[in-house]
Amino acid sequence: MAVPLAEDKAYTALVNRLSTIELGKQCQPGGPLFGLQTNLGGRMVIFPGGVPVWRDGKLMGAVGASGGAVEQDHACALAGVLALGKPTQA
């Protein structure tokens, strides 16, 4: 289960151009993206563990992590992005 979920976290971060931790905040009731997680056949994941990869203002991909506590998943995905060098966002 961890691998498909990590892939979906990366996918979510990529298509939304936003980390899943930030996306989760925006998808809360009353938020600007409330209900987003019900789209795209269940692939949207709105809890921590997906981080987009930016280089020179361009979205290059995303890293997803799963298998630990959500805080650990986010930290692992962020570490993966940072291992690629200092990210820059558009």
C-alpha atoms as a PDB file:
ATOM      1  CA  MET A   1       0.000   0.000   0.000  1.00  0.00           C
ATOM      2  CA  ALA A   2       2.862   2.419   0.715  1.00  0.00           C
ATOM      3  CA  VAL A   3       4.208   2.530  -2.858  1.00  0.00           C
ATOM      4  CA  PRO A   4       0.907   3.342  -4.611  1.00  0.00           C
ATOM      5  CA  LEU A   5       0.130   5.947  -1.961  1.00  0.00           C
ATOM      6  CA  ALA A   6       3.573   7.552  -2.362  1.00  0.00           C
ATOM      7  CA  GLU A   7       2.994   7.667  -6.127  1.00  0.00           C
ATOM      8  CA  ASP A   8      -0.400   9.317  -5.615  1.00  0.00           C
ATOM      9  CA  LYS A   9       1.109  11.871  -3.227  1.00  0.00           C
ATOM     10  CA  ALA A  10       3.741  12.764  -5.833  1.00  0.00           C
ATOM     11  CA  TYR A  11       1.060  12.914  -8.547  1.00  0.00           C
ATOM     12  CA  THR A  12      -1.093  15.195  -6.393  1.00  0.00           C
ATOM     13  CA  ALA A  13       1.809  17.548  -5.681  1.00  0.00           C
ATOM     14  CA  LEU A  14       2.715  17.608  -9.370  1.00  0.00           C
ATOM     15  CA  VAL A  15      -0.708  18.315 -10.869  1.00  0.00           C
ATOM     16  CA  ASN A  16      -1.537  20.913  -8.217  1.00  0.00           C
ATOM     17  CA  ARG A  17       1.945  22.479  -8.218  1.00  0.00           C
ATOM     18  CA  LEU A  18       1.758  22.492  -4.428  1.00  0.00           C
ATOM     19  CA  SER A  19       2.898  20.281  -1.552  1.00  0.00           C
ATOM     20  CA  THR A  20       0.220  17.974  -0.218  1.00  0.00           C
ATOM     21  CA  ILE A  21       0.675  19.464   3.248  1.00  0.00           C
ATOM     22  CA  GLU A  22      -0.318  22.889   1.877  1.00  0.00           C
ATOM     23  CA  LEU A  23      -3.016  21.403  -0.328  1.00  0.00           C
ATOM     24  CA  GLY A  24      -4.567  19.690   2.689  1.00  0.00           C
ATOM     25  CA  LYS A  25      -4.930  23.055   4.396  1.00  0.00           C
ATOM     26  CA  GLN A  26      -6.677  24.513   1.339  1.00  0.00           C
ATOM     27  CA  CYS A  27      -9.048  21.535   1.078  1.00  0.00           C
ATOM     28  CA  GLN A  28     -10.512  21.943   4.561  1.00  0.00           C
ATOM     29  CA  PRO A  29     -14.213  22.853   4.799  1.00  0.00           C
ATOM     30  CA  GLY A  30     -14.581  26.491   3.814  1.00  0.00           C
ATOM     31  CA  GLY A  31     -11.200  26.456   2.036  1.00  0.00           C
ATOM     32  CA  PRO A  32     -10.733  27.494  -1.590  1.00  0.00           C
ATOM     33  CA  LEU A  33     -10.144  23.902  -2.754  1.00  0.00           C
ATOM     34  CA  PHE A  34     -12.648  22.071  -0.543  1.00  0.00           C
ATOM     35  CA  GLY A  35     -13.734  18.829  -2.232  1.00  0.00           C
ATOM     36  CA  LEU A  36     -10.733  18.591  -4.573  1.00  0.00           C
ATOM     37  CA  GLN A  37      -9.745  15.239  -3.091  1.00  0.00           C
ATOM     38  CA  THR A  38     -12.898  13.659  -4.516  1.00  0.00           C
ATOM     39  CA  ASN A  39     -11.712  14.260  -8.102  1.00  0.00           C
ATOM     40  CA  LEU A  40      -9.552  12.264 -10.508  1.00  0.00           C
ATOM     41  CA  GLY A  41     -10.706   8.790  -9.554  1.00  0.00           C
ATOM     42  CA  GLY A  42      -9.370   8.872  -6.023  1.00  0.00           C
ATOM     43  CA  ARG A  43      -5.753   9.729  -6.878  1.00  0.00           C
ATOM     44  CA  MET A  44      -5.795  13.020  -4.978  1.00  0.00           C
ATOM     45  CA  VAL A  45      -4.081  12.776  -1.609  1.00  0.00           C
ATOM     46  CA  ILE A  46      -4.451  15.776   0.664  1.00  0.00           C
ATOM     47  CA  PHE A  47      -2.280  14.732   3.578  1.00  0.00           C
ATOM     48  CA  PRO A  48       1.494  15.216   3.922  1.00  0.00           C
ATOM     49  CA  GLY A  49       4.038  13.314   1.871  1.00  0.00           C
ATOM     50  CA  GLY A  50       4.042  14.888  -1.604  1.00  0.00           C
ATOM     51  CA  VAL A  51       6.374  17.740  -2.554  1.00  0.00           C
ATOM     52  CA  PRO A  52       6.801  19.336  -6.000  1.00  0.00           C
ATOM     53  CA  VAL A  53      10.283  19.769  -7.454  1.00  0.00           C
ATOM     54  CA  TRP A  54      11.013  23.231  -8.850  1.00  0.00           C
ATOM     55  CA  ARG A  55      14.148  24.344 -10.731  1.00  0.00           C
ATOM     56  CA  ASP A  56      14.643  27.875 -11.976  1.00  0.00           C
ATOM     57  CA  GLY A  57      10.934  28.586 -11.704  1.00  0.00           C
ATOM     58  CA  LYS A  58       9.953  25.463 -13.667  1.00  0.00           C
ATOM     59  CA  LEU A  59       8.077  22.492 -12.277  1.00  0.00           C
ATOM     60  CA  MET A  60      10.290  19.456 -12.906  1.00  0.00           C
ATOM     61  CA  GLY A  61       8.406  16.692 -11.079  1.00  0.00           C
ATOM     62  CA  ALA A  62       7.490  15.676  -7.556  1.00  0.00           C
ATOM     63  CA  VAL A  63       8.591  13.368  -4.762  1.00  0.00           C
ATOM     64  CA  GLY A  64       6.176  11.259  -2.746  1.00  0.00           C
ATOM     65  CA  ALA A  65       6.783   9.302   0.437  1.00  0.00           C
ATOM     66  CA  SER A  66       4.558   6.959   2.413  1.00  0.00           C
ATOM     67  CA  GLY A  67       4.856   4.326   5.103  1.00  0.00           C
ATOM     68  CA  GLY A  68       5.497   6.405   8.201  1.00  0.00           C
ATOM     69  CA  ALA A  69       3.547   8.934  10.167  1.00  0.00           C
ATOM     70  CA  VAL A  70       2.396  11.826   7.980  1.00  0.00           C
ATOM     71  CA  GLU A  71       5.035  14.117   9.507  1.00  0.00           C
ATOM     72  CA  GLN A  72       7.716  11.547   8.628  1.00  0.00           C
ATOM     73  CA  ASP A  73       6.374  11.160   5.095  1.00  0.00           C
ATOM     74  CA  HIS A  74       6.532  14.917   4.544  1.00  0.00           C
ATOM     75  CA  ALA A  75      10.050  15.114   5.989  1.00  0.00           C
ATOM     76  CA  CYS A  76      11.242  12.263   3.750  1.00  0.00           C
ATOM     77  CA  ALA A  77       9.710  13.763   0.603  1.00  0.00           C
ATOM     78  CA  LEU A  78      11.152  17.175   1.443  1.00  0.00           C
ATOM     79  CA  ALA A  79      14.574  15.612   2.063  1.00  0.00           C
ATOM     80  CA  GLY A  80      14.366  13.989  -1.364  1.00  0.00           C
ATOM     81  CA  VAL A  81      13.645  17.329  -2.998  1.00  0.00           C
ATOM     82  CA  LEU A  82      16.386  19.091  -1.059  1.00  0.00           C
ATOM     83  CA  ALA A  83      18.883  16.363  -2.005  1.00  0.00           C
ATOM     84  CA  LEU A  84      18.446  17.516  -5.603  1.00  0.00           C
ATOM     85  CA  GLY A  85      19.712  20.985  -4.683  1.00  0.00           C
ATOM     86  CA  LYS A  86      18.083  24.159  -3.429  1.00  0.00           C
ATOM     87  CA  PRO A  87      14.568  24.319  -4.886  1.00  0.00           C
ATOM     88  CA  THR A  88      13.146  27.488  -6.369  1.00  0.00           C
ATOM     89  CA  GLN A  89       9.449  27.969  -6.877  1.00  0.00           C
ATOM     90  CA  ALA A  90       7.581  29.837  -9.599  1.00  0.00           C
END
